[in-house]
N, C-alpha and C. Protein backbone atom coordinates (compact mmCIF):
# COMPACT_ATOMS: atom_id res chain seq x y z
N MET A 1 -130.11 45.36 -198.24
CA MET A 1 -130.39 43.75 -198.30
C MET A 1 -129.60 43.22 -199.21
N ARG A 2 -129.37 43.41 -200.66
CA ARG A 2 -128.32 42.61 -202.01
C ARG A 2 -127.21 42.27 -200.83
N ARG A 3 -126.94 43.27 -200.09
CA ARG A 3 -125.27 42.78 -199.12
C ARG A 3 -125.58 41.16 -198.28
N TRP A 4 -126.37 41.48 -197.77
CA TRP A 4 -127.25 40.62 -196.63
C TRP A 4 -127.21 39.18 -197.95
N VAL A 5 -127.93 39.31 -198.52
CA VAL A 5 -127.59 37.91 -200.25
C VAL A 5 -126.78 37.40 -200.56
N LEU A 6 -126.26 38.85 -200.90
CA LEU A 6 -124.60 38.06 -201.24
C LEU A 6 -123.62 37.35 -200.25
N ALA A 7 -123.52 37.81 -198.87
CA ALA A 7 -123.09 37.36 -197.75
C ALA A 7 -123.42 35.51 -197.71
N LEU A 8 -124.87 36.13 -196.98
CA LEU A 8 -125.26 34.33 -197.52
C LEU A 8 -124.67 33.41 -198.20
N LEU A 9 -125.13 33.52 -199.85
CA LEU A 9 -124.66 33.04 -200.82
C LEU A 9 -123.02 32.51 -200.68
N ALA A 10 -122.22 33.89 -199.92
CA ALA A 10 -120.68 33.95 -200.20
C ALA A 10 -120.52 32.36 -198.74
N THR A 11 -121.14 32.72 -198.08
CA THR A 11 -120.99 32.08 -196.84
C THR A 11 -121.55 30.50 -196.97
N GLY A 12 -122.70 29.91 -197.69
CA GLY A 12 -123.53 28.94 -198.11
C GLY A 12 -121.84 28.43 -199.51
N LEU A 13 -121.50 28.99 -200.20
CA LEU A 13 -120.52 28.41 -201.09
C LEU A 13 -119.27 27.94 -200.28
N ALA A 14 -119.02 28.64 -199.27
CA ALA A 14 -117.49 28.36 -198.42
C ALA A 14 -118.28 26.97 -197.43
N ALA A 15 -119.08 26.70 -197.39
CA ALA A 15 -119.81 25.93 -196.63
C ALA A 15 -119.77 24.05 -197.46
N VAL A 16 -120.00 24.57 -198.86
CA VAL A 16 -120.12 23.29 -199.62
C VAL A 16 -118.44 23.31 -199.92
N LEU A 17 -117.83 23.90 -200.21
CA LEU A 17 -116.41 23.49 -200.62
C LEU A 17 -115.82 23.24 -199.41
N GLY A 18 -116.20 23.63 -197.97
CA GLY A 18 -115.46 22.69 -196.99
C GLY A 18 -115.53 21.29 -196.76
N VAL A 19 -116.95 21.51 -197.27
CA VAL A 19 -117.52 19.58 -196.85
C VAL A 19 -116.71 19.14 -198.02
N TRP A 20 -117.06 19.34 -199.31
CA TRP A 20 -116.10 18.78 -200.15
C TRP A 20 -114.77 18.62 -200.25
N ALA A 21 -113.92 19.44 -199.59
CA ALA A 21 -112.71 19.23 -199.58
C ALA A 21 -112.01 18.44 -198.35
N VAL A 22 -113.25 18.64 -197.17
CA VAL A 22 -112.91 17.42 -196.42
C VAL A 22 -113.16 16.22 -196.76
N SER A 23 -114.39 15.87 -197.28
CA SER A 23 -114.33 14.29 -198.18
C SER A 23 -113.60 14.04 -198.89
N LEU A 24 -113.33 15.30 -199.96
CA LEU A 24 -111.89 14.07 -200.69
C LEU A 24 -110.80 14.21 -200.04
N TYR A 25 -110.48 14.47 -198.64
CA TYR A 25 -109.31 14.41 -198.30
C TYR A 25 -109.25 12.32 -197.98
N VAL A 26 -110.66 12.72 -196.82
CA VAL A 26 -111.11 11.32 -195.99
C VAL A 26 -110.70 10.37 -197.66
N GLU A 27 -111.54 10.53 -198.95
CA GLU A 27 -111.63 9.60 -199.80
C GLU A 27 -110.15 9.15 -200.29
N LYS A 28 -109.24 10.16 -199.90
CA LYS A 28 -107.77 10.01 -200.61
C LYS A 28 -106.70 9.66 -200.35
N ARG A 29 -107.11 9.50 -198.32
CA ARG A 29 -106.15 9.52 -197.71
C ARG A 29 -105.65 8.02 -197.73
N TYR A 30 -106.00 6.88 -197.93
CA TYR A 30 -105.67 5.77 -197.99
C TYR A 30 -106.07 5.24 -199.42
N GLU A 31 -106.18 5.72 -200.53
CA GLU A 31 -106.76 5.47 -201.41
C GLU A 31 -105.56 3.88 -202.12
N ASP A 32 -104.54 4.76 -201.18
CA ASP A 32 -103.48 3.56 -202.17
C ASP A 32 -103.70 2.24 -201.44
N ARG A 33 -104.00 2.22 -200.36
CA ARG A 33 -104.48 0.68 -199.85
C ARG A 33 -105.49 0.13 -200.60
N ILE A 34 -105.98 0.50 -201.66
CA ILE A 34 -107.11 -0.14 -202.40
C ILE A 34 -106.32 -1.30 -203.16
N LEU A 35 -106.57 -2.18 -203.35
CA LEU A 35 -105.55 -3.50 -203.89
C LEU A 35 -106.51 -4.60 -204.53
N PRO A 36 -106.19 -5.30 -206.00
CA PRO A 36 -107.02 -6.20 -206.49
C PRO A 36 -106.83 -7.33 -205.19
N ARG A 37 -108.32 -8.27 -205.34
CA ARG A 37 -108.25 -9.61 -203.93
C ARG A 37 -107.00 -10.24 -204.94
N THR A 38 -106.77 -10.49 -205.45
CA THR A 38 -104.91 -11.56 -205.79
C THR A 38 -103.63 -10.53 -205.39
N GLN A 39 -103.84 -9.48 -205.16
CA GLN A 39 -102.94 -8.63 -204.72
C GLN A 39 -102.78 -8.49 -203.28
N ALA A 40 -103.87 -8.62 -202.66
CA ALA A 40 -103.58 -8.00 -201.17
C ALA A 40 -102.81 -8.56 -200.24
N PRO A 41 -102.35 -7.92 -199.68
CA PRO A 41 -101.34 -8.80 -198.76
C PRO A 41 -101.85 -9.71 -197.94
N ARG A 42 -100.98 -10.57 -197.33
CA ARG A 42 -101.11 -11.43 -196.46
C ARG A 42 -101.54 -10.63 -194.55
N LYS A 43 -102.84 -11.31 -194.49
CA LYS A 43 -103.41 -10.47 -192.79
C LYS A 43 -104.08 -11.59 -192.44
N PRO A 44 -103.57 -11.56 -191.02
CA PRO A 44 -104.46 -12.01 -189.87
C PRO A 44 -106.12 -12.85 -190.48
N VAL A 45 -106.84 -11.50 -190.70
CA VAL A 45 -108.23 -11.10 -190.53
C VAL A 45 -108.89 -10.59 -191.80
N ALA A 46 -109.95 -10.79 -192.25
CA ALA A 46 -110.38 -10.08 -192.94
C ALA A 46 -111.58 -8.96 -192.15
N LEU A 47 -111.74 -7.91 -192.05
CA LEU A 47 -113.08 -7.65 -191.76
C LEU A 47 -114.41 -7.06 -192.62
N VAL A 48 -115.35 -7.87 -192.42
CA VAL A 48 -116.16 -7.23 -193.31
C VAL A 48 -117.53 -6.55 -192.58
N TYR A 49 -117.51 -5.93 -192.91
CA TYR A 49 -118.81 -4.92 -192.70
C TYR A 49 -120.23 -5.27 -193.09
N GLY A 50 -121.32 -5.47 -192.14
CA GLY A 50 -122.50 -5.56 -192.81
C GLY A 50 -123.28 -4.78 -193.45
N ALA A 51 -124.42 -5.49 -194.10
CA ALA A 51 -125.15 -3.73 -194.74
C ALA A 51 -126.13 -4.75 -194.88
N GLY A 52 -126.94 -5.15 -193.89
CA GLY A 52 -128.33 -5.41 -194.09
C GLY A 52 -128.76 -7.06 -194.17
N LEU A 53 -130.03 -7.36 -194.46
CA LEU A 53 -130.57 -8.44 -194.26
C LEU A 53 -131.82 -8.01 -195.78
N ALA A 54 -131.78 -9.53 -196.31
CA ALA A 54 -133.19 -9.47 -197.63
C ALA A 54 -134.33 -9.95 -196.34
N PRO A 55 -135.12 -10.46 -197.13
CA PRO A 55 -136.66 -11.03 -197.06
C PRO A 55 -136.13 -12.26 -197.28
N GLY A 56 -136.47 -13.00 -195.34
CA GLY A 56 -136.37 -14.21 -194.76
C GLY A 56 -134.78 -14.34 -194.35
N GLY A 57 -134.08 -13.06 -193.91
CA GLY A 57 -132.83 -12.96 -192.91
C GLY A 57 -131.89 -13.50 -193.27
N VAL A 58 -131.46 -13.53 -194.70
CA VAL A 58 -130.39 -13.50 -195.19
C VAL A 58 -130.05 -12.62 -196.05
N PRO A 59 -128.83 -12.12 -196.19
CA PRO A 59 -127.95 -11.62 -195.96
C PRO A 59 -128.16 -11.03 -197.45
N SER A 60 -128.36 -9.23 -197.81
CA SER A 60 -128.83 -8.72 -198.67
C SER A 60 -127.35 -9.46 -199.84
N PRO A 61 -128.00 -8.53 -201.41
CA PRO A 61 -127.00 -8.88 -202.15
C PRO A 61 -126.09 -8.14 -202.17
N VAL A 62 -126.01 -6.72 -201.89
CA VAL A 62 -124.82 -6.12 -201.13
C VAL A 62 -123.67 -6.95 -199.99
N LEU A 63 -124.24 -7.45 -199.22
CA LEU A 63 -123.42 -8.04 -198.38
C LEU A 63 -123.30 -9.37 -198.51
N ALA A 64 -124.41 -10.13 -199.25
CA ALA A 64 -123.96 -11.28 -200.00
C ALA A 64 -122.23 -10.93 -200.44
N GLN A 65 -122.16 -10.10 -201.51
CA GLN A 65 -121.15 -9.58 -202.25
C GLN A 65 -120.24 -9.73 -201.58
N ARG A 66 -120.15 -8.84 -200.63
CA ARG A 66 -119.31 -8.63 -199.31
C ARG A 66 -118.54 -10.28 -198.84
N LEU A 67 -119.24 -11.38 -198.78
CA LEU A 67 -119.57 -12.29 -197.92
C LEU A 67 -118.25 -13.10 -198.76
N ASP A 68 -118.80 -12.89 -200.07
CA ASP A 68 -118.11 -13.72 -201.22
C ASP A 68 -116.54 -13.05 -201.60
N ALA A 69 -116.61 -11.99 -201.39
CA ALA A 69 -115.22 -11.91 -201.61
C ALA A 69 -114.29 -11.93 -200.55
N ALA A 70 -114.82 -11.70 -199.01
CA ALA A 70 -114.43 -12.37 -197.36
C ALA A 70 -114.01 -13.76 -197.85
N ILE A 71 -115.13 -15.00 -198.35
CA ILE A 71 -114.37 -15.92 -198.49
C ILE A 71 -113.53 -16.29 -199.16
N ALA A 72 -113.53 -15.72 -200.76
CA ALA A 72 -112.19 -15.85 -201.85
C ALA A 72 -110.63 -15.64 -200.93
N LEU A 73 -110.92 -15.06 -200.10
CA LEU A 73 -109.37 -14.06 -199.31
C LEU A 73 -108.67 -15.39 -198.34
N TYR A 74 -110.54 -16.10 -197.70
CA TYR A 74 -109.70 -16.99 -196.88
C TYR A 74 -109.78 -18.26 -197.76
N GLN A 75 -109.88 -18.44 -198.71
CA GLN A 75 -109.77 -20.28 -199.36
C GLN A 75 -108.50 -19.89 -200.37
N GLU A 76 -107.72 -18.58 -200.76
CA GLU A 76 -106.52 -18.74 -200.96
C GLU A 76 -105.74 -18.18 -200.57
N GLY A 77 -105.92 -18.23 -199.25
CA GLY A 77 -105.14 -18.51 -198.01
C GLY A 77 -104.40 -16.96 -197.44
N GLN A 78 -105.30 -15.71 -198.10
CA GLN A 78 -104.67 -14.47 -197.77
C GLN A 78 -105.21 -14.18 -196.92
N VAL A 79 -105.90 -14.41 -195.67
CA VAL A 79 -106.47 -14.11 -194.44
C VAL A 79 -106.59 -15.87 -193.54
N ASP A 80 -106.58 -15.45 -192.29
CA ASP A 80 -106.79 -16.68 -191.79
C ASP A 80 -108.03 -17.09 -191.12
N ALA A 81 -108.35 -15.73 -190.84
CA ALA A 81 -109.79 -15.79 -190.34
C ALA A 81 -111.09 -14.91 -190.89
N LEU A 82 -112.04 -14.38 -189.96
CA LEU A 82 -113.58 -13.65 -190.85
C LEU A 82 -113.64 -12.94 -189.31
N LEU A 83 -113.40 -11.40 -190.24
CA LEU A 83 -114.25 -11.05 -188.37
C LEU A 83 -115.39 -10.50 -189.06
N LEU A 84 -116.44 -10.21 -188.90
CA LEU A 84 -118.05 -10.44 -189.26
C LEU A 84 -118.80 -9.09 -188.28
N SER A 85 -119.01 -8.41 -188.80
CA SER A 85 -119.48 -6.87 -187.85
C SER A 85 -120.75 -6.17 -188.07
N GLY A 86 -121.71 -6.71 -187.82
CA GLY A 86 -123.46 -6.06 -188.25
C GLY A 86 -123.90 -5.76 -186.82
N ASP A 87 -124.58 -5.14 -187.15
CA ASP A 87 -125.63 -4.60 -186.37
C ASP A 87 -127.25 -4.73 -185.94
N ASN A 88 -127.02 -5.78 -184.57
CA ASN A 88 -127.96 -6.81 -184.15
C ASN A 88 -128.56 -6.13 -183.05
N SER A 89 -129.23 -4.92 -182.91
CA SER A 89 -129.40 -4.09 -182.12
C SER A 89 -131.12 -4.40 -181.88
N ASP A 90 -131.46 -4.92 -183.13
CA ASP A 90 -132.87 -4.93 -183.18
C ASP A 90 -133.12 -6.80 -182.73
N PRO A 91 -133.88 -6.66 -182.55
CA PRO A 91 -133.96 -8.31 -181.90
C PRO A 91 -134.39 -9.02 -182.76
N PHE A 92 -135.10 -8.69 -183.88
CA PHE A 92 -135.37 -9.26 -184.80
C PHE A 92 -134.61 -8.91 -185.99
N HIS A 93 -133.71 -8.71 -186.06
CA HIS A 93 -132.58 -8.16 -187.22
C HIS A 93 -130.81 -8.80 -186.71
N ASP A 94 -130.94 -10.33 -186.86
CA ASP A 94 -130.13 -11.03 -186.59
C ASP A 94 -128.52 -10.86 -187.45
N GLU A 95 -128.34 -9.92 -187.72
CA GLU A 95 -127.56 -9.73 -188.98
C GLU A 95 -125.67 -10.28 -188.79
N THR A 96 -125.38 -10.77 -187.74
CA THR A 96 -124.40 -11.33 -187.34
C THR A 96 -124.49 -12.85 -188.17
N ARG A 97 -125.28 -13.18 -187.08
CA ARG A 97 -125.81 -14.40 -187.49
C ARG A 97 -125.80 -15.24 -188.39
N ALA A 98 -126.77 -14.27 -189.78
CA ALA A 98 -126.81 -14.34 -190.81
C ALA A 98 -125.34 -14.56 -191.68
N MET A 99 -125.17 -13.49 -191.45
CA MET A 99 -123.00 -13.36 -191.90
C MET A 99 -122.53 -14.86 -191.97
N ALA A 100 -122.64 -15.18 -190.44
CA ALA A 100 -121.82 -16.30 -189.88
C ALA A 100 -122.53 -17.74 -190.86
N ARG A 101 -124.08 -17.91 -190.54
CA ARG A 101 -124.45 -18.92 -191.69
C ARG A 101 -124.13 -19.05 -193.28
N TYR A 102 -123.99 -18.10 -193.68
CA TYR A 102 -123.27 -17.78 -194.48
C TYR A 102 -121.98 -18.17 -195.34
N VAL A 103 -121.35 -17.67 -194.32
CA VAL A 103 -119.60 -18.09 -194.93
C VAL A 103 -119.49 -19.71 -193.92
N LEU A 104 -120.42 -20.37 -193.01
CA LEU A 104 -120.30 -21.39 -192.73
C LEU A 104 -120.85 -21.83 -193.77
N ASP A 105 -121.79 -21.79 -194.56
CA ASP A 105 -122.48 -23.14 -195.11
C ASP A 105 -121.20 -22.88 -196.59
N ARG A 106 -120.34 -22.03 -196.76
CA ARG A 106 -119.87 -22.21 -198.13
C ARG A 106 -118.46 -22.81 -197.25
N GLY A 107 -117.97 -23.23 -196.27
CA GLY A 107 -116.91 -24.41 -196.15
C GLY A 107 -115.84 -23.27 -195.55
N VAL A 108 -115.92 -22.25 -194.62
CA VAL A 108 -115.05 -21.61 -193.87
C VAL A 108 -115.27 -22.18 -192.38
N PRO A 109 -114.46 -22.78 -191.64
CA PRO A 109 -114.64 -23.37 -190.40
C PRO A 109 -115.49 -22.51 -189.35
N GLU A 110 -116.05 -22.82 -188.82
CA GLU A 110 -116.12 -22.05 -187.20
C GLU A 110 -115.24 -21.66 -186.00
N SER A 111 -114.22 -22.24 -186.22
CA SER A 111 -113.36 -21.76 -185.32
C SER A 111 -112.22 -20.59 -185.88
N ASP A 112 -112.78 -20.50 -187.91
CA ASP A 112 -111.93 -19.21 -188.37
C ASP A 112 -113.02 -18.18 -188.91
N VAL A 113 -113.90 -18.06 -187.28
CA VAL A 113 -115.31 -16.82 -187.73
C VAL A 113 -115.51 -16.52 -186.27
N GLU A 114 -115.56 -15.00 -186.35
CA GLU A 114 -115.69 -14.24 -185.30
C GLU A 114 -116.68 -13.07 -185.54
N GLU A 115 -117.77 -13.01 -184.83
CA GLU A 115 -119.03 -12.31 -184.39
C GLU A 115 -118.53 -11.00 -184.01
N ASP A 116 -119.16 -9.83 -184.51
CA ASP A 116 -119.53 -8.68 -183.42
C ASP A 116 -120.69 -8.29 -184.29
N ASP A 117 -121.71 -8.51 -183.03
CA ASP A 117 -122.65 -8.07 -183.28
C ASP A 117 -123.33 -6.60 -182.82
N ALA A 118 -121.95 -6.10 -182.35
CA ALA A 118 -122.36 -4.29 -182.05
C ALA A 118 -121.83 -3.45 -182.84
N GLY A 119 -121.46 -3.96 -184.10
CA GLY A 119 -121.05 -3.21 -185.43
C GLY A 119 -122.20 -2.03 -185.89
N LEU A 120 -122.79 -1.35 -184.75
CA LEU A 120 -123.72 -0.28 -185.87
C LEU A 120 -123.48 0.71 -186.70
N SER A 121 -122.42 0.24 -186.82
CA SER A 121 -121.93 1.57 -188.31
C SER A 121 -120.23 1.59 -188.08
N THR A 122 -120.04 1.85 -189.36
CA THR A 122 -118.47 1.80 -190.10
C THR A 122 -117.90 2.25 -188.81
N TYR A 123 -117.64 3.48 -188.24
CA TYR A 123 -117.01 3.37 -187.48
C TYR A 123 -116.83 2.68 -186.11
N ASP A 124 -118.04 2.13 -185.24
CA ASP A 124 -118.28 1.24 -184.41
C ASP A 124 -117.55 -0.03 -184.57
N SER A 125 -117.34 -0.31 -186.00
CA SER A 125 -117.19 -1.60 -185.99
C SER A 125 -115.36 -1.77 -186.34
N SER A 126 -115.04 -0.47 -186.86
CA SER A 126 -113.50 -0.47 -187.02
C SER A 126 -113.44 -0.44 -185.79
N VAL A 127 -113.43 0.51 -184.75
CA VAL A 127 -112.81 0.52 -183.90
C VAL A 127 -113.14 -0.33 -181.96
N ARG A 128 -114.39 -1.33 -182.41
CA ARG A 128 -114.26 -2.32 -182.07
C ARG A 128 -113.59 -3.75 -182.22
N ALA A 129 -113.08 -3.64 -183.85
CA ALA A 129 -112.21 -4.52 -184.37
C ALA A 129 -111.07 -4.31 -183.49
N HIS A 130 -110.46 -3.06 -183.26
CA HIS A 130 -109.10 -3.09 -182.58
C HIS A 130 -108.95 -2.84 -181.22
N THR A 131 -109.94 -2.33 -180.38
CA THR A 131 -109.84 -2.40 -178.85
C THR A 131 -110.61 -3.45 -178.54
N VAL A 132 -111.70 -3.94 -179.24
CA VAL A 132 -112.29 -5.37 -178.16
C VAL A 132 -111.93 -6.68 -179.31
N PHE A 133 -111.42 -6.78 -180.05
CA PHE A 133 -111.17 -8.00 -180.54
C PHE A 133 -109.61 -8.04 -180.76
N GLY A 134 -108.81 -6.77 -180.46
CA GLY A 134 -107.68 -7.34 -180.92
C GLY A 134 -106.39 -7.30 -182.17
N VAL A 135 -107.53 -6.81 -183.18
CA VAL A 135 -107.13 -6.69 -184.86
C VAL A 135 -106.06 -5.09 -184.77
N ARG A 136 -105.04 -5.50 -184.66
CA ARG A 136 -103.83 -4.81 -185.51
C ARG A 136 -103.49 -5.01 -186.84
N GLU A 137 -104.32 -5.45 -188.05
CA GLU A 137 -103.47 -5.92 -188.91
C GLU A 137 -104.74 -6.48 -189.86
N ALA A 138 -105.40 -6.10 -190.83
CA ALA A 138 -106.77 -6.52 -191.70
C ALA A 138 -106.66 -6.21 -193.22
N VAL A 139 -107.64 -6.80 -193.70
CA VAL A 139 -107.72 -6.55 -194.87
C VAL A 139 -109.09 -6.38 -194.75
N LEU A 140 -109.93 -4.98 -195.21
CA LEU A 140 -111.60 -4.55 -194.94
C LEU A 140 -111.80 -5.06 -196.53
N VAL A 141 -113.43 -5.73 -195.98
CA VAL A 141 -114.04 -6.07 -197.09
C VAL A 141 -114.98 -5.22 -197.57
N THR A 142 -116.08 -4.13 -198.50
CA THR A 142 -117.34 -3.41 -199.03
C THR A 142 -116.89 -3.41 -199.94
N GLN A 143 -117.99 -2.52 -200.98
CA GLN A 143 -117.64 -2.44 -202.05
C GLN A 143 -116.69 -0.63 -201.98
N ARG A 144 -116.12 -0.60 -203.26
CA ARG A 144 -115.38 0.73 -203.69
C ARG A 144 -115.86 1.65 -203.15
N PHE A 145 -117.43 1.46 -203.04
CA PHE A 145 -117.98 3.71 -202.43
C PHE A 145 -117.49 3.79 -200.90
N HIS A 146 -117.52 2.93 -200.09
CA HIS A 146 -117.71 2.74 -198.86
C HIS A 146 -116.09 2.30 -198.36
N LEU A 147 -115.27 1.99 -199.51
CA LEU A 147 -114.26 1.32 -198.73
C LEU A 147 -113.19 2.58 -198.17
N THR A 148 -113.04 3.87 -198.92
CA THR A 148 -112.32 4.95 -198.61
C THR A 148 -112.11 5.28 -197.21
N ARG A 149 -113.18 5.47 -197.12
CA ARG A 149 -114.15 5.74 -195.40
C ARG A 149 -113.46 4.61 -194.62
N ALA A 150 -114.03 3.70 -194.96
CA ALA A 150 -113.21 2.56 -193.69
C ALA A 150 -111.90 2.37 -193.98
N LEU A 151 -111.00 3.13 -194.59
CA LEU A 151 -110.11 2.72 -194.66
C LEU A 151 -109.59 3.60 -194.29
N TYR A 152 -110.08 5.10 -194.00
CA TYR A 152 -109.78 6.14 -193.42
C TYR A 152 -109.89 5.79 -191.58
N ILE A 153 -110.96 5.38 -191.44
CA ILE A 153 -111.13 5.01 -190.15
C ILE A 153 -110.52 4.40 -189.42
N ALA A 154 -110.33 2.71 -190.10
CA ALA A 154 -109.64 1.89 -189.57
C ALA A 154 -108.32 1.99 -189.24
N ASN A 155 -107.73 2.40 -190.43
CA ASN A 155 -106.08 3.20 -190.46
C ASN A 155 -105.81 4.41 -189.18
N SER A 156 -106.90 4.92 -189.00
CA SER A 156 -106.82 6.11 -188.07
C SER A 156 -106.75 5.78 -186.55
N VAL A 157 -107.70 4.36 -186.22
CA VAL A 157 -107.41 4.15 -185.19
C VAL A 157 -106.98 3.05 -184.55
N GLY A 158 -105.88 2.65 -185.56
CA GLY A 158 -104.86 2.01 -184.56
C GLY A 158 -104.85 0.49 -185.50
N ILE A 159 -105.21 0.11 -186.61
CA ILE A 159 -105.18 -0.92 -187.24
C ILE A 159 -104.66 -0.44 -188.96
N ASP A 160 -103.59 -1.53 -189.11
CA ASP A 160 -102.19 -1.31 -190.31
C ASP A 160 -103.57 -2.19 -191.55
N ALA A 161 -104.57 -1.59 -192.02
CA ALA A 161 -105.50 -2.00 -192.89
C ALA A 161 -105.39 -1.75 -194.11
N TRP A 162 -105.62 -2.50 -194.92
CA TRP A 162 -105.95 -2.76 -196.40
C TRP A 162 -107.25 -2.92 -197.35
N GLY A 163 -107.31 -2.77 -198.50
CA GLY A 163 -108.64 -2.55 -198.69
C GLY A 163 -109.12 -3.57 -199.86
N VAL A 164 -109.72 -4.54 -199.92
CA VAL A 164 -110.33 -5.24 -201.52
C VAL A 164 -111.98 -4.55 -201.55
N ALA A 165 -111.82 -4.31 -202.73
CA ALA A 165 -113.58 -4.11 -203.42
C ALA A 165 -114.65 -5.19 -203.32
N ALA A 166 -115.73 -5.22 -202.65
CA ALA A 166 -116.14 -6.74 -202.97
C ALA A 166 -116.68 -6.62 -204.54
N ASP A 167 -117.21 -5.26 -205.07
CA ASP A 167 -117.69 -5.41 -206.85
C ASP A 167 -116.44 -4.72 -207.45
N GLU A 168 -115.12 -5.67 -207.11
CA GLU A 168 -114.12 -5.09 -208.38
C GLU A 168 -114.36 -5.83 -209.45
N GLY A 169 -114.30 -4.39 -210.46
CA GLY A 169 -114.59 -4.99 -211.67
C GLY A 169 -115.67 -4.93 -212.28
N ARG A 170 -116.69 -4.30 -211.43
CA ARG A 170 -117.65 -3.89 -211.57
C ARG A 170 -118.02 -1.88 -211.95
N PRO A 171 -118.42 -2.15 -212.53
CA PRO A 171 -119.25 -0.57 -213.31
C PRO A 171 -119.31 0.71 -211.70
N ARG A 172 -118.51 1.74 -211.32
CA ARG A 172 -119.31 2.40 -210.37
C ARG A 172 -119.98 2.95 -209.69
N THR A 173 -120.88 2.60 -208.89
CA THR A 173 -122.66 3.25 -208.82
C THR A 173 -122.39 4.90 -208.31
N ARG A 174 -123.07 5.82 -208.59
CA ARG A 174 -122.69 7.11 -207.90
C ARG A 174 -124.02 7.29 -207.11
N ARG A 175 -124.99 5.88 -206.70
CA ARG A 175 -125.87 6.01 -206.11
C ARG A 175 -126.19 6.44 -204.55
N TYR A 176 -124.49 6.09 -204.16
CA TYR A 176 -124.73 6.78 -203.04
C TYR A 176 -122.92 7.67 -202.77
N ALA A 177 -123.01 8.34 -203.60
CA ALA A 177 -121.92 9.66 -203.81
C ALA A 177 -122.39 10.36 -202.44
N LEU A 178 -123.68 11.15 -202.43
CA LEU A 178 -123.96 12.45 -201.05
C LEU A 178 -124.28 11.81 -200.18
N ARG A 179 -124.79 10.82 -199.87
CA ARG A 179 -124.37 10.15 -198.23
C ARG A 179 -122.83 10.31 -198.28
N GLU A 180 -122.17 9.48 -199.21
CA GLU A 180 -120.46 9.08 -198.71
C GLU A 180 -120.32 10.55 -198.15
N THR A 181 -120.25 11.61 -199.46
CA THR A 181 -119.76 13.07 -199.05
C THR A 181 -119.71 13.48 -196.76
N LEU A 182 -120.86 13.42 -197.09
CA LEU A 182 -121.75 13.79 -195.61
C LEU A 182 -121.12 12.71 -194.94
N SER A 183 -120.67 11.66 -194.90
CA SER A 183 -120.11 10.20 -194.17
C SER A 183 -119.25 10.57 -194.10
N ARG A 184 -117.95 11.10 -194.96
CA ARG A 184 -116.66 11.04 -194.50
C ARG A 184 -116.16 12.36 -193.92
N VAL A 185 -117.02 13.48 -193.88
CA VAL A 185 -117.09 14.49 -192.86
C VAL A 185 -116.97 13.67 -191.73
N LEU A 186 -118.41 13.53 -191.56
CA LEU A 186 -118.60 13.00 -190.00
C LEU A 186 -117.52 12.10 -189.42
N ALA A 187 -117.22 10.96 -190.53
CA ALA A 187 -115.97 10.11 -190.15
C ALA A 187 -114.48 10.98 -189.44
N LEU A 188 -114.06 11.74 -190.60
CA LEU A 188 -112.98 12.49 -189.99
C LEU A 188 -113.53 13.32 -188.44
N GLY A 189 -114.72 13.30 -188.25
CA GLY A 189 -115.00 14.87 -186.92
C GLY A 189 -114.87 13.33 -186.17
N MET A 190 -115.58 12.12 -186.22
CA MET A 190 -115.20 11.50 -185.08
C MET A 190 -113.96 11.25 -184.77
N VAL A 191 -113.10 10.30 -185.80
CA VAL A 191 -111.44 10.39 -185.42
C VAL A 191 -111.12 11.24 -185.28
N MET A 192 -111.10 12.45 -185.46
CA MET A 192 -110.91 13.90 -184.37
C MET A 192 -111.14 13.81 -183.51
N ALA A 193 -112.48 13.79 -182.97
CA ALA A 193 -112.69 13.71 -181.48
C ALA A 193 -112.47 12.65 -180.19
N GLU A 194 -112.28 11.72 -181.22
CA GLU A 194 -112.03 10.01 -180.58
C GLU A 194 -113.27 9.59 -180.11
N ALA A 195 -114.00 9.38 -180.68
CA ALA A 195 -115.62 9.39 -180.19
C ALA A 195 -115.53 7.85 -180.03
N GLN A 196 -116.21 7.67 -178.71
CA GLN A 196 -116.47 5.84 -178.82
C GLN A 196 -117.48 5.69 -179.32
N PRO A 197 -117.40 4.02 -179.73
CA PRO A 197 -118.36 3.08 -179.92
C PRO A 197 -119.71 2.74 -179.17
N ARG A 198 -121.01 2.74 -179.63
CA ARG A 198 -122.00 3.07 -178.91
C ARG A 198 -121.99 1.81 -177.53
N TYR A 199 -121.28 0.64 -177.83
CA TYR A 199 -120.67 0.12 -177.37
C TYR A 199 -119.75 -0.42 -177.34
N PRO A 200 -118.26 0.37 -176.14
CA PRO A 200 -116.94 0.61 -176.27
C PRO A 200 -116.33 -0.92 -175.42
N SER A 201 -117.22 -2.21 -175.03
CA SER A 201 -116.48 -3.07 -174.59
C SER A 201 -117.66 -4.27 -174.59
N GLY A 202 -116.97 -5.45 -174.19
CA GLY A 202 -118.01 -6.73 -174.74
C GLY A 202 -118.37 -7.13 -175.99
N ARG A 203 -117.95 -8.57 -175.83
CA ARG A 203 -117.93 -8.97 -177.42
C ARG A 203 -119.08 -8.97 -178.36
N THR A 204 -120.32 -9.16 -177.10
CA THR A 204 -121.43 -9.31 -178.38
C THR A 204 -122.73 -8.55 -177.16
N LEU A 205 -123.53 -8.20 -177.54
CA LEU A 205 -124.65 -7.61 -177.78
C LEU A 205 -125.62 -8.30 -175.93
N ALA A 206 -124.93 -9.15 -175.77
CA ALA A 206 -125.42 -10.06 -174.80
C ALA A 206 -125.05 -9.66 -173.38
N SER A 207 -123.43 -9.26 -173.71
CA SER A 207 -123.16 -8.57 -172.74
C SER A 207 -123.43 -7.57 -171.82
N PRO A 208 -123.21 -7.21 -170.63
CA PRO A 208 -124.03 -6.56 -169.90
C PRO A 208 -123.35 -4.58 -170.29
N ARG A 209 -124.78 -4.07 -170.96
CA ARG A 209 -124.55 -2.79 -171.68
C ARG A 209 -124.43 -1.68 -170.64
């Protein structure tokens, strides 16, 4: 009996160490591509990942922080356009439209704003940016805890991607540590499997499914 318990413990420990090692690899792989906003390389587009809406259908505080950083990149001439990628699969959750209203109200011209309302996940948003919207070079805009995973996916699927942390200069949070650890493992698996996004074609969910 004791032998089985020890074997089970050893297996569990090996699994935990394996998950940790894979997560660390994904976290560190493109970490050197995270730069302060003022040092970000000039790229054609900033890819902004959705992060939910607050009551009233406006961007959540986390999403607003991402949008503010992207607007600053645009206003400073470091990107020419914004690609706003969010999840509009729920008819009562028009995330990308709320994102677009936010940046338009702050002076970004409509001609320089593109919406992807089928960005159901970080992976889907990154793959669709490349295959549907033709993005080859981009600055990714999201919080620091999420940025290493986004950079790993985007660079792995064909985008020359650099990252700007929307929460630059603020204390790091461990709130999402466990979720990100597991999400990084999943990201590596999806990249290796060359998984397809849920909606691999069509620029909006209004397109035929």
